[in-house]
Protein backbone atom coordinates (compact mmCIF):
# COMPACT_ATOMS: atom_id res chain seq x y z
CA MET A 1 0.00 0.00 0.00
CA ARG A 2 1.31 3.42 -0.87
CA SER A 3 1.92 6.06 1.76
CA LEU A 4 -0.91 7.78 3.59
CA LEU A 5 -2.23 10.87 1.84
CA SER A 6 -3.56 13.72 3.95
CA LEU A 7 -5.72 16.49 2.56
CA VAL A 8 -3.38 18.99 4.19
CA LEU A 9 -0.45 17.81 2.07
CA LEU A 10 -2.53 17.67 -1.06
CA LEU A 11 -3.68 21.23 -0.63
CA ILE A 12 -0.20 22.51 0.20
CA ALA A 13 1.01 21.03 -3.06
CA ALA A 14 -1.93 22.48 -4.97
CA ALA A 15 -1.47 25.93 -3.40
CA ALA A 16 1.83 26.40 -5.21
CA HIS A 17 -0.08 27.14 -8.41
CA ALA A 18 -3.51 28.04 -7.00
CA GLU A 19 -5.21 31.27 -7.84
CA ARG A 20 -6.53 33.42 -5.01
CA ILE A 21 -9.76 35.12 -4.15
CA LEU A 22 -9.80 37.65 -1.32
CA LEU A 23 -12.84 37.43 0.93
CA VAL A 24 -14.02 39.95 3.49
CA PRO A 25 -16.72 37.93 5.25
CA LEU A 26 -19.79 39.11 7.10
CA ASP A 27 -18.21 38.27 10.45
CA SER A 28 -16.15 35.59 12.19
CA ARG A 29 -18.77 32.82 12.17
CA PRO A 30 -17.88 29.69 10.14
CA ALA A 31 -20.81 30.05 7.73
CA ALA A 32 -19.64 33.54 6.82
CA GLY A 33 -16.11 32.57 5.80
CA GLN A 34 -14.96 29.03 6.52
CA PHE A 35 -17.62 27.46 4.30
CA ALA A 36 -16.42 29.50 1.31
CA GLN A 37 -12.81 28.53 2.01
CA LEU A 38 -13.73 24.84 2.07
CA ILE A 39 -15.69 25.17 -1.19
CA GLY A 40 -12.82 27.06 -2.83
CA LYS A 41 -10.41 24.20 -2.01
CA ILE A 42 -12.53 21.87 -4.13
CA ASP A 43 -11.49 23.91 -7.17
CA GLY A 44 -7.92 24.43 -5.98
CA VAL A 45 -8.59 28.06 -5.11
CA GLU A 46 -7.18 29.75 -2.03
CA VAL A 47 -9.82 31.94 -0.39
CA ARG A 48 -7.84 34.31 1.78
CA MET A 49 -9.44 36.38 4.56
CA PRO A 50 -8.30 39.10 6.97
CA THR A 51 -7.06 38.03 10.39
CA TYR A 52 -9.60 36.32 12.61
CA GLU A 53 -9.22 39.09 15.21
CA ALA A 54 -10.08 41.81 12.69
CA LEU A 55 -13.49 40.21 12.10
CA GLY A 56 -14.76 40.81 15.63
CA ARG A 57 -16.84 38.51 17.81
CA PHE A 58 -20.60 38.81 18.33
CA THR A 59 -21.26 42.32 19.74
CA THR A 60 -17.56 43.22 19.54
CA GLN A 61 -17.34 44.91 16.17
CA GLY A 62 -14.88 43.99 13.49
CA ASN A 63 -12.25 46.52 12.45
CA PRO A 64 -13.16 47.90 8.99
CA ASP A 65 -10.19 50.28 8.80
CA LYS A 66 -7.73 47.51 9.64
CA ILE A 67 -9.39 45.28 7.03
CA LEU A 68 -9.14 48.03 4.41
CA ASP A 69 -5.45 48.43 5.31
CA TRP A 70 -5.07 44.68 4.76
CA LEU A 71 -6.74 44.90 1.35
CA GLU A 72 -4.52 47.79 0.29
CA ASP A 73 -1.40 45.87 1.33
CA GLN A 74 -2.28 42.75 -0.69
CA SER A 75 -0.58 42.01 -3.97
CA LEU A 76 -3.45 41.48 -6.39
CA SER A 77 -1.39 40.11 -9.29
CA ASP A 78 -2.80 36.60 -8.87
CA VAL A 79 -6.17 37.63 -7.42
CA LYS A 80 -9.14 37.13 -9.71
CA ALA A 81 -11.86 38.63 -7.53
CA LEU A 82 -12.68 40.40 -4.31
CA VAL A 83 -15.78 39.12 -2.51
CA VAL A 84 -16.71 41.63 0.17
CA SER A 85 -19.40 42.07 2.80
CA THR A 86 -20.31 45.74 2.88
CA ASP A 87 -21.75 45.25 6.37
CA MET A 88 -18.24 44.40 7.58
CA ILE A 89 -16.56 47.18 5.59
CA CYS A 90 -19.09 49.86 6.55
CA TYR A 91 -20.10 48.93 10.11
CA GLY A 92 -17.93 46.10 11.44
CA GLY A 93 -20.16 43.09 10.68
CA LEU A 94 -23.73 41.86 10.69
CA ILE A 95 -24.43 42.47 14.39
CA ALA A 96 -22.81 45.92 14.16
CA SER A 97 -25.07 46.74 11.19
CA ARG A 98 -28.12 46.50 13.48
CA VAL A 99 -27.00 49.30 15.82
CA TYR A 100 -26.16 52.94 15.23
CA ASP A 101 -22.52 53.06 16.33
CA VAL A 102 -21.33 54.21 12.89
CA SER A 103 -22.70 57.26 11.09
CA THR A 104 -23.72 57.30 7.44
CA VAL A 105 -20.78 59.60 6.71
CA VAL A 106 -18.22 57.19 8.18
CA ALA A 107 -19.83 54.17 6.49
CA ALA A 108 -19.83 55.92 3.12
CA ARG A 109 -16.18 56.96 3.52
CA ARG A 110 -15.15 53.36 4.19
CA LEU A 111 -17.16 52.16 1.21
CA GLN A 112 -15.47 54.69 -1.06
CA ARG A 113 -12.08 53.50 0.15
CA LEU A 114 -13.02 50.00 -1.00
CA ILE A 115 -14.11 51.33 -4.39
CA ASP A 116 -10.79 53.16 -4.73
CA ILE A 117 -8.95 49.84 -4.25
CA LYS A 118 -11.01 48.40 -7.10
CA LYS A 119 -10.28 51.41 -9.34
CA LYS A 120 -6.53 50.94 -8.83
CA ASN A 121 -6.93 47.29 -9.89
CA PRO A 122 -9.52 47.36 -12.70
CA ARG A 123 -8.67 43.80 -13.79
CA VAL A 124 -9.93 42.42 -10.47
CA LYS A 125 -13.68 41.81 -10.27
CA LEU A 126 -15.53 43.22 -7.25
CA TYR A 127 -18.45 41.19 -5.90
CA LEU A 128 -20.33 42.80 -3.01
CA PHE A 129 -23.11 41.66 -0.72
CA SER A 130 -25.18 43.68 1.71
CA SER A 131 -27.91 42.72 4.18
CA THR A 132 -31.26 44.40 4.56
CA MET A 133 -31.64 44.72 8.31
CA ARG A 134 -33.84 42.10 9.88
CA LEU A 135 -37.04 42.89 11.74
CA MET A 136 -35.86 41.86 15.21
CA PRO A 137 -32.89 43.32 17.11
CA THR A 138 -30.03 40.98 18.03
CA ALA A 139 -30.68 38.58 20.90
CA THR A 140 -28.46 39.94 23.66
CA ARG A 141 -28.90 40.22 27.41
CA ARG A 142 -29.52 43.95 27.11
CA ALA A 143 -32.13 43.58 24.36
CA SER A 144 -33.89 40.56 25.85
CA THR A 145 -36.66 42.59 27.51
CA MET A 146 -37.57 44.76 24.53
CA ARG A 147 -36.53 43.08 21.26
CA LEU A 148 -39.73 41.08 20.75
CA LYS A 149 -41.93 44.07 21.60
CA LEU A 150 -40.01 46.40 19.31
CA ALA A 151 -40.14 43.93 16.43
CA ARG A 152 -43.86 43.41 16.91
CA TYR A 153 -44.45 47.17 16.96
CA GLU A 154 -42.56 47.64 13.68
CA GLU A 155 -44.36 44.69 12.10
CA LEU A 156 -47.79 46.04 13.11
CA LYS A 157 -46.86 49.53 11.98
CA ASP A 158 -46.14 48.29 8.46
CA MET A 159 -49.26 46.11 8.50
CA ALA A 160 -51.43 49.08 9.52
CA GLU A 161 -49.93 51.34 6.85
CA ARG A 162 -50.00 48.90 3.94
CA SER A 163 -53.23 47.01 4.63
CA ASN A 164 -55.16 49.81 6.34
CA ASN A 165 -56.06 47.29 9.03
CA PRO A 166 -57.73 49.01 12.03
CA ASP A 167 -56.96 46.10 14.36
CA ALA A 168 -53.29 46.28 13.41
CA LYS A 169 -53.29 50.02 14.08
CA LEU A 170 -54.84 49.49 17.52
CA GLN A 171 -52.31 46.79 18.44
CA MET A 172 -49.50 48.94 17.09
CA GLU A 173 -50.40 51.74 19.51
CA GLN A 174 -50.49 49.25 22.38
CA TYR A 175 -47.01 47.94 21.58
CA LYS A 176 -45.66 51.44 21.06
CA ARG A 177 -46.34 52.14 24.72
CA LYS A 178 -44.33 49.05 25.71
CA VAL A 179 -41.10 50.24 24.06
CA SER A 180 -39.14 53.38 24.84
CA LYS A 181 -39.09 56.16 22.26
CA ALA A 182 -35.30 56.13 22.39
CA ASP A 183 -35.17 52.46 21.35
CA ILE A 184 -37.63 53.04 18.50
CA ASP A 185 -35.77 56.13 17.24
CA LEU A 186 -32.41 54.39 17.32
CA TYR A 187 -33.79 51.34 15.51
CA GLU A 188 -35.34 53.45 12.76
CA GLN A 189 -32.25 55.65 12.47
CA THR A 190 -30.15 52.51 11.94
CA ARG A 191 -32.50 51.26 9.25
CA ALA A 192 -32.40 54.63 7.47
CA ARG A 193 -28.58 54.60 7.46
CA ASN A 194 -28.41 51.08 6.07
CA HIS A 195 -30.98 51.87 3.40
CA ASP A 196 -29.02 54.92 2.30
CA ILE A 197 -25.83 52.85 1.98
CA GLN A 198 -27.67 50.24 -0.10
CA LYS A 199 -28.91 52.93 -2.49
CA ARG A 200 -25.30 54.08 -2.84
CA LEU A 201 -24.26 50.51 -3.62
CA ILE A 202 -26.81 50.27 -6.42
CA GLN A 203 -25.59 53.57 -7.84
CA MET A 204 -21.98 52.36 -7.69
CA THR A 205 -23.02 49.22 -9.57
CA GLN A 206 -24.66 51.37 -12.23
CA GLU A 207 -21.38 53.30 -12.55
CA SER A 208 -19.50 49.96 -12.96
CA SER A 209 -17.45 50.51 -9.80
CA VAL A 210 -19.06 47.26 -8.58
CA ASP A 211 -19.24 44.23 -10.89
CA PHE A 212 -22.05 42.40 -9.10
CA LEU A 213 -24.18 43.05 -6.03
CA VAL A 214 -26.33 40.78 -3.89
CA ILE A 215 -28.72 42.36 -1.40
CA GLY A 216 -29.63 39.70 1.12
CA GLN A 217 -32.63 39.76 3.40
CA ASP A 218 -31.71 39.01 6.99
CA ASP A 219 -34.37 37.11 9.02
CA ALA A 220 -37.75 38.54 8.03
CA ARG A 221 -41.51 38.20 7.97
CA ALA A 222 -44.24 39.15 5.51
CA TYR A 223 -44.71 42.56 7.19
CA GLY A 224 -42.16 45.02 8.50
CA PRO A 225 -40.04 47.96 7.33
CA HIS A 226 -37.78 45.63 5.35
CA VAL A 227 -40.61 45.00 2.87
CA VAL A 228 -40.97 48.67 1.93
CA GLU A 229 -37.19 49.15 1.85
CA THR A 230 -36.71 46.20 -0.50
CA ALA A 231 -39.52 47.37 -2.80
CA SER A 232 -37.85 50.77 -3.04
CA LEU A 233 -34.47 49.22 -3.88
CA LYS A 234 -35.98 46.90 -6.48
CA GLN A 235 -37.70 49.85 -8.15
CA MET A 236 -34.36 51.67 -8.30
CA VAL A 237 -32.71 48.61 -9.86
CA ARG A 238 -35.45 48.39 -12.51
CA GLN A 239 -35.21 52.07 -13.34
CA LEU A 240 -31.44 51.79 -13.80
CA ASP A 241 -31.84 48.56 -15.82
CA LEU A 242 -29.56 46.63 -13.45
CA ASN A 243 -31.59 43.43 -13.04
CA TRP A 244 -28.66 41.44 -14.48
CA LYS A 245 -26.13 42.93 -12.04
CA VAL A 246 -28.12 43.23 -8.79
CA TYR A 247 -29.90 40.29 -7.16
CA PHE A 248 -32.13 40.17 -4.08
CA CYS A 249 -31.82 36.95 -2.08
CA GLU A 250 -33.24 35.63 1.16
CA GLY A 251 -30.69 35.15 3.92
CA VAL A 252 -27.25 36.69 4.22
CA ASP A 253 -24.84 34.29 5.98
CA GLN A 254 -24.36 32.20 2.83
CA HIS A 255 -23.46 34.93 0.36
CA SER A 256 -19.69 34.50 0.64
CA SER A 257 -20.24 31.03 -0.85
CA VAL A 258 -22.80 32.22 -3.41
CA LEU A 259 -20.48 34.93 -4.75
CA LEU A 260 -17.42 32.70 -4.66
CA SER A 261 -19.35 30.34 -6.94
CA ARG A 262 -20.33 33.17 -9.25
CA ALA A 263 -16.79 34.52 -9.45
CA LEU A 264 -15.34 31.12 -10.38
CA LEU A 265 -18.08 30.24 -12.88
CA LYS A 266 -17.89 33.60 -14.63
CA GLN A 267 -14.14 33.34 -14.89
CA ALA A 268 -14.53 29.90 -16.50
CA ASN A 269 -17.44 31.11 -18.67
CA TRP A 270 -19.60 28.17 -17.65
CA THR A 271 -23.21 28.22 -16.45
CA PRO A 272 -24.43 25.02 -14.77
CA ARG A 273 -27.97 24.00 -15.70
CA VAL A 274 -29.95 22.84 -12.68
CA ARG A 275 -33.11 20.77 -12.53
CA VAL A 276 -35.04 21.30 -9.30
CA VAL A 277 -37.18 18.57 -7.71
CA TYR A 278 -39.40 19.52 -4.76
CA SER A 279 -40.53 17.12 -2.05
CA ASP A 280 -43.97 18.65 -2.57
CA ASP A 281 -44.79 20.87 -5.58
CA ASN A 282 -47.40 22.72 -3.54
CA ALA A 283 -44.58 24.15 -1.45
CA ARG A 284 -43.27 26.27 -4.31
CA ASN A 285 -45.57 29.09 -3.25
CA GLN A 286 -45.06 28.72 0.49
CA PHE A 287 -42.99 31.09 2.60
CA ALA A 288 -40.25 29.42 4.61
CA SER A 289 -39.69 30.53 8.21
CA PHE A 290 -37.86 33.87 8.59
CA GLU A 291 -38.29 34.69 4.91
CA SER A 292 -40.42 37.13 2.93
CA THR A 293 -40.22 35.51 -0.53
CA LYS A 294 -41.88 32.37 -1.86
CA ILE A 295 -39.69 29.28 -1.78
CA GLU A 296 -39.47 28.88 -5.57
CA ASP A 297 -38.58 32.56 -6.06
CA SER A 298 -35.99 32.38 -3.30
CA MET A 299 -34.41 29.27 -4.79
CA THR A 300 -34.32 30.80 -8.29
CA GLU A 301 -32.65 33.99 -7.06
CA GLN A 302 -29.94 31.99 -5.29
CA LEU A 303 -29.31 29.85 -8.35
CA LEU A 304 -28.96 32.87 -10.61
CA ALA A 305 -26.81 34.78 -8.13
CA SER A 306 -24.46 31.77 -7.86
CA GLY A 307 -23.89 31.80 -11.62
CA ALA A 308 -26.11 28.79 -12.40
CA ARG A 309 -29.58 28.73 -13.96
CA PRO A 310 -32.70 26.60 -13.51
CA VAL A 311 -34.08 24.51 -16.37
CA GLY A 312 -37.61 23.32 -17.09
CA LYS A 313 -38.97 19.86 -16.52
CA ASP A 314 -37.69 18.46 -19.83
CA GLY A 315 -34.59 20.61 -20.25
CA GLU A 316 -31.03 19.31 -20.29
CA TYR A 317 -29.30 19.69 -16.96
CA ASP A 318 -25.91 19.28 -15.32
CA TYR A 319 -27.26 18.25 -11.94
CA THR A 320 -30.48 17.93 -9.97
CA LEU A 321 -31.18 19.91 -6.82
CA TYR A 322 -33.49 17.91 -4.56
CA LEU A 323 -35.27 20.46 -2.35
CA ASN A 324 -36.96 19.07 0.76
CA THR A 325 -39.66 21.61 1.65
CA PRO A 326 -41.59 22.34 4.87
CA LYS A 327 -45.16 21.13 5.44
CA ARG A 328 -44.82 18.44 2.79
CA ARG A 329 -47.53 15.88 2.13
CA GLU A 330 -46.53 12.32 2.93
CA PRO A 331 -47.35 10.62 -0.42
CA GLN A 332 -45.42 13.29 -2.32
CA PHE A 333 -42.48 12.99 0.06
CA ARG A 334 -42.36 9.21 -0.40
CA GLU A 335 -42.19 9.67 -4.18
CA PHE A 336 -39.50 12.34 -3.72
CA LEU A 337 -37.39 9.99 -1.58
CA ASP A 338 -37.74 7.16 -4.08
CA ARG A 339 -36.60 9.40 -6.96
CA LEU A 340 -33.71 10.75 -4.91
CA LYS A 341 -32.47 7.30 -3.85
CA SER A 342 -32.82 6.00 -7.40
CA ASP A 343 -30.76 8.86 -8.83
CA LEU A 344 -28.05 8.42 -6.21
CA ASP A 345 -27.92 4.65 -6.66
CA LYS A 346 -27.45 5.19 -10.42
CA GLY A 347 -24.64 7.68 -9.82
CA ALA A 348 -26.57 10.65 -11.21
CA PRO A 349 -25.28 14.12 -10.17
CA VAL A 350 -27.41 15.19 -7.21
CA ALA A 351 -27.33 18.00 -4.64
CA VAL A 352 -29.66 18.12 -1.64
CA ALA A 353 -30.98 21.19 0.16
CA ASP A 354 -33.07 20.29 3.20
CA ILE A 355 -35.22 23.29 4.18
CA ASN A 356 -37.70 21.23 6.19
CA LEU A 357 -35.98 22.49 9.30
CA GLY A 358 -37.16 22.13 12.87
CA GLN A 359 -37.74 25.11 15.14
CA ASP A 360 -34.15 24.74 16.37
CA GLY A 361 -32.74 24.59 12.84
CA THR A 362 -32.34 20.80 12.80
CA ALA A 363 -32.40 19.08 9.41
CA ASP A 364 -35.01 16.42 8.57
CA PRO A 365 -34.01 13.09 10.21
CA GLU A 366 -36.11 11.04 7.79
CA LEU A 367 -34.34 12.49 4.78
CA PHE A 368 -30.94 12.18 6.41
CA ASN A 369 -31.51 8.52 7.26
CA ALA A 370 -32.50 7.80 3.66
CA LEU A 371 -29.22 9.34 2.50
CA TRP A 372 -27.26 7.46 5.17
CA GLN A 373 -28.54 4.07 4.03
CA GLN A 374 -26.26 2.08 1.70
CA GLY A 375 -23.62 4.82 1.76
CA ARG A 376 -25.62 7.15 -0.46
CA LEU A 377 -24.04 10.14 1.27
CA LEU A 378 -20.84 9.42 -0.63
CA ASN A 379 -22.60 9.88 -3.96
CA LEU A 380 -23.87 13.41 -3.31
CA LEU A 381 -22.45 16.48 -4.99
CA SER A 382 -23.44 18.53 -1.95
CA TYR A 383 -25.73 18.63 1.05
CA ALA A 384 -26.93 21.35 3.41
CA GLY A 385 -29.64 21.75 6.02
CA TRP A 386 -29.07 24.54 8.54
CA ASN A 387 -30.70 27.59 10.12
CA THR A 388 -32.94 28.95 7.30
CA ALA A 389 -34.04 28.04 3.79
CA GLY A 390 -31.90 30.77 2.24
CA ASN A 391 -28.80 29.71 4.20
CA THR A 392 -29.32 26.09 3.19
CA ILE A 393 -30.02 26.63 -0.51
CA GLY A 394 -27.15 29.11 -0.75
CA THR A 395 -24.72 26.55 0.67
CA SER A 396 -25.74 23.45 -1.30
CA ILE A 397 -25.86 25.14 -4.72
CA PRO A 398 -22.38 26.76 -4.64
CA ALA A 399 -20.73 23.54 -3.44
CA ALA A 400 -22.31 21.56 -6.29
CA ASN A 401 -21.46 24.24 -8.86
CA VAL A 402 -17.82 24.45 -7.83
CA TYR A 403 -17.31 20.69 -7.66
CA LEU A 404 -18.62 20.21 -11.21
CA LEU A 405 -16.52 23.17 -12.36
CA ALA A 406 -13.45 21.58 -10.76
CA LYS A 407 -14.07 18.41 -12.76
CA LYS A 408 -13.81 20.54 -15.91
CA SER A 409 -10.68 22.36 -14.69
CA GLN A 410 -7.01 21.50 -14.42
CA VAL A 411 -7.33 20.74 -10.72
CA ASP A 412 -5.49 17.88 -9.06
CA PRO A 413 -8.26 15.25 -9.20
CA LEU A 414 -7.33 13.56 -5.92
CA ALA A 415 -7.20 16.89 -4.06
CA ARG A 416 -10.57 17.77 -5.61
CA GLU A 417 -12.24 14.52 -4.60
CA VAL A 418 -10.89 14.57 -1.05
CA ALA A 419 -11.80 18.25 -0.56
CA GLN A 420 -15.33 17.59 -1.79
CA ARG A 421 -15.77 14.66 0.62
CA GLU A 422 -14.35 16.75 3.43
CA PHE A 423 -16.97 19.43 2.84
CA LEU A 424 -19.69 16.78 2.71
CA ILE A 425 -18.61 15.33 6.06
CA HIS A 426 -18.42 18.84 7.47
CA ARG A 427 -22.02 19.45 6.47
CA PHE A 428 -23.30 16.14 7.84
CA VAL A 429 -21.63 16.65 11.20
CA ASN A 430 -22.18 20.41 11.49
CA ASP A 431 -25.67 20.70 10.00
CA TYR A 432 -27.14 17.48 11.32
CA ALA A 433 -25.23 15.96 14.24
CA TYR A 434 -24.46 19.24 15.99
CA HIS A 435 -27.99 20.64 15.89
CA LYS A 436 -29.68 17.33 16.62
CA TYR A 437 -27.45 15.99 19.38
CA THR A 438 -24.74 18.32 20.71
CA ARG A 439 -26.44 21.71 20.67
CA PRO A 440 -29.55 20.77 22.72
CA SER A 441 -27.33 19.27 25.41
CA ALA A 442 -25.14 22.36 25.40
CA TYR A 443 -28.13 24.64 25.94
CA ALA A 444 -29.20 22.46 28.87
CA LEU A 445 -25.97 23.46 30.63
CA ILE A 446 -26.83 27.18 30.46
CA GLU A 447 -28.96 29.11 32.92
CA PRO A 448 -32.18 30.14 31.10
CA GLU A 449 -31.57 33.85 31.67
CA HIS A 450 -28.14 33.55 29.97
CA ARG A 451 -29.24 31.81 26.77
CA GLU A 452 -28.48 34.84 24.57
CA GLU A 453 -24.81 35.08 25.57
CA ILE A 454 -22.49 33.33 28.01
CA TYR A 455 -19.11 34.28 29.45
CA GLY A 456 -16.52 33.21 32.02
CA ASP A 457 -16.79 29.83 33.66
CA GLU A 458 -20.16 29.13 32.04
CA TRP A 459 -18.70 29.63 28.56
CA ASP A 460 -15.66 27.49 29.43
CA GLU A 461 -17.90 24.65 30.57
CA VAL A 462 -20.14 24.77 27.50
CA ASN A 463 -17.25 25.20 25.07
CA THR A 464 -15.42 22.22 26.60
CA TYR A 465 -18.53 20.07 26.39
CA VAL A 466 -19.25 21.07 22.77
CA ALA A 467 -15.67 20.32 21.69
CA ARG A 468 -15.64 16.91 23.35
CA ASP A 469 -19.10 15.84 22.16
CA LEU A 470 -18.85 17.05 18.56
CA LEU A 471 -15.45 15.46 18.05
CA LYS A 472 -17.03 12.23 19.25
CA GLN A 473 -19.88 12.75 16.74
CA LEU A 474 -17.31 13.39 13.99
CA GLN A 475 -15.44 10.18 14.74
CA THR A 476 -18.69 8.19 14.92
CA PHE A 477 -20.07 9.56 11.65
CA PHE A 478 -16.77 9.01 9.89
CA ALA A 479 -16.37 5.48 11.23
CA GLN A 480 -19.91 4.46 10.28
CA GLY A 481 -20.25 6.27 6.98
CA PHE A 482 -16.79 6.67 5.45
CA LEU A 483 -14.05 4.59 7.07
CA ASN A 484 -12.63 1.96 4.65
CA ARG A 485 -15.05 2.96 1.91
CA THR A 486 -13.36 3.43 -1.45
CA PHE A 487 -13.60 5.89 -4.32
CA THR A 488 -11.98 6.09 -7.73
CA VAL A 489 -9.82 8.82 -9.22
CA GLY A 490 -8.82 8.14 -12.79
CA GLU A 491 -7.55 4.57 -12.85
CA SER A 492 -6.63 4.49 -9.16
CA GLN A 493 -8.71 3.57 -6.16
CA TYR A 494 -8.46 5.18 -2.74
CA ARG A 495 -9.77 4.31 0.68
CA PHE A 496 -10.80 6.55 3.61
CA VAL A 497 -8.55 5.66 6.53
CA GLY A 498 -8.90 8.37 9.16
CA ILE A 499 -9.53 11.88 10.47
CA ASP A 500 -6.65 14.18 11.34
CA GLY A 501 -6.40 17.48 13.22
CA GLY A 502 -9.92 17.57 14.64
CA LYS A 503 -10.65 20.85 16.43
CA VAL A 504 -13.93 22.32 17.70
CA TRP A 505 -14.82 25.56 19.46
CA LEU A 506 -17.63 28.08 19.86
CA PRO A 507 -16.75 31.14 17.77
CA TRP A 508 -19.23 33.36 19.61
CA PRO A 509 -20.37 33.39 23.27
CA ARG A 510 -23.29 31.07 22.59
CA PRO A 511 -23.73 27.50 21.33
CA TYR A 512 -25.95 28.53 18.41
CA GLU A 513 -23.19 27.75 15.91
CA VAL A 514 -19.87 25.90 16.12
CA ARG A 515 -16.56 25.91 14.29
CA LEU A 516 -15.35 22.48 13.21
CA GLU A 517 -11.95 21.81 11.63
CA PHE A 518 -10.47 18.50 10.51
CA HIS A 519 -8.74 16.81 7.58
CA VAL A 520 -9.62 13.55 5.87
CA GLN A 521 -6.90 10.96 5.35
CA VAL A 522 -6.97 8.55 2.43
CA ALA A 523 -4.67 5.79 1.22
CA GLN A 524 -4.18 4.46 -2.29
CA GLU A 525 -5.14 0.84 -2.79
CA PRO A 526 -2.39 -1.47 -4.10
């Protein structure tokens, strides 16, 4: 048997000739940056980010000026694209974008500094994403007593104005008395600042300072100020004839991955054709939790923003996206599962996005078990099932796009195959095992009044537990689903033999999300 091959060594070898993409993520959470880095590795691309410390941590803002210094100091000779969160550049991250600690003037000045970097390097493409502020303030200890009341007031206010509903108006006045005027004014001032910056972004795109812009909708409902803001922005985009350069997508955490996919596909001049199969066709017109757009429209926007396109029922396609929807009907779901298993058993190219998520963000156990049977997990292009529909769809699609692109590219095929399996395992353990098993137990260790954020000894205890338990889950999932299973690269066959460098920690002072790092080891069969 030939020597053990570790993904680390494969990627070090590939990095010698890899191109780079610079990413300024939304914040320091794994979904905002690590996911894109893992997807980039599949295509042999180094996705480089600012220092971890510069990205902040929860309510501690990132450092936009330090990040801009970092961008200015980079040699861009081998950089094909910049993928940048304007929330980080303007305010210091997603959480910082929901409070008024940065004025419009300062935010605009930082944004212009980014544009000036692009102007000095016109060959480099600039892909930006911005979030429309969500309805509800961030869950912190300070906001715990008023955030739900403030959100309900703003929701009822929009409902009363747009639907002329007298009951909504009466309830709005009742909630208004439950929230301080200072909190309302600050909330609305923050929204106005963010909206002004987004209008500037659209104008910059019209002037070609920005090559492509995604405006993502942070957690939302059918009513609220975000609806009117988005309608105004969409009207501006139509008037400027920018529908091909500006997209509006549900969710925001996933857009590093979405725009990485777009950057790579556009560079290669390839557009994947995607057939979409729903677990229940009636769900196309449903609204997923925390979203303000119908599921089919949301899915289509994410596909297009990623650089792919949907095809009709009888059109030719490069892969099938199986979309497991909420509130499905059982007969339709059974047929969906049968089609999915049949495609996987035949080796057809399949990606899965599970948006039938539980209240705690847990993926569908019935679907997962069907994939687990007979090692079908190994046959997937990609899988995701976490947090919201937009987050999930916008993770599964880019991973599938980039893997198929890598198969067309001059990428080391073994490094490609191992990196793709590593991302699959990451999704299974992070999206499914963590939220179903580890996270509920972690929350049980926290005093109820501290659920929003934990520090000191309490954080140490929870972090230690999460690290120990999730590493155990990783080893169990790998042993049961991957260990000693084989795969083929060219004329050679390889076998999964182990996990190396496993590391787990809570990136923020809460167990809502987790950072998981590891490398897959494979050995070539004699």
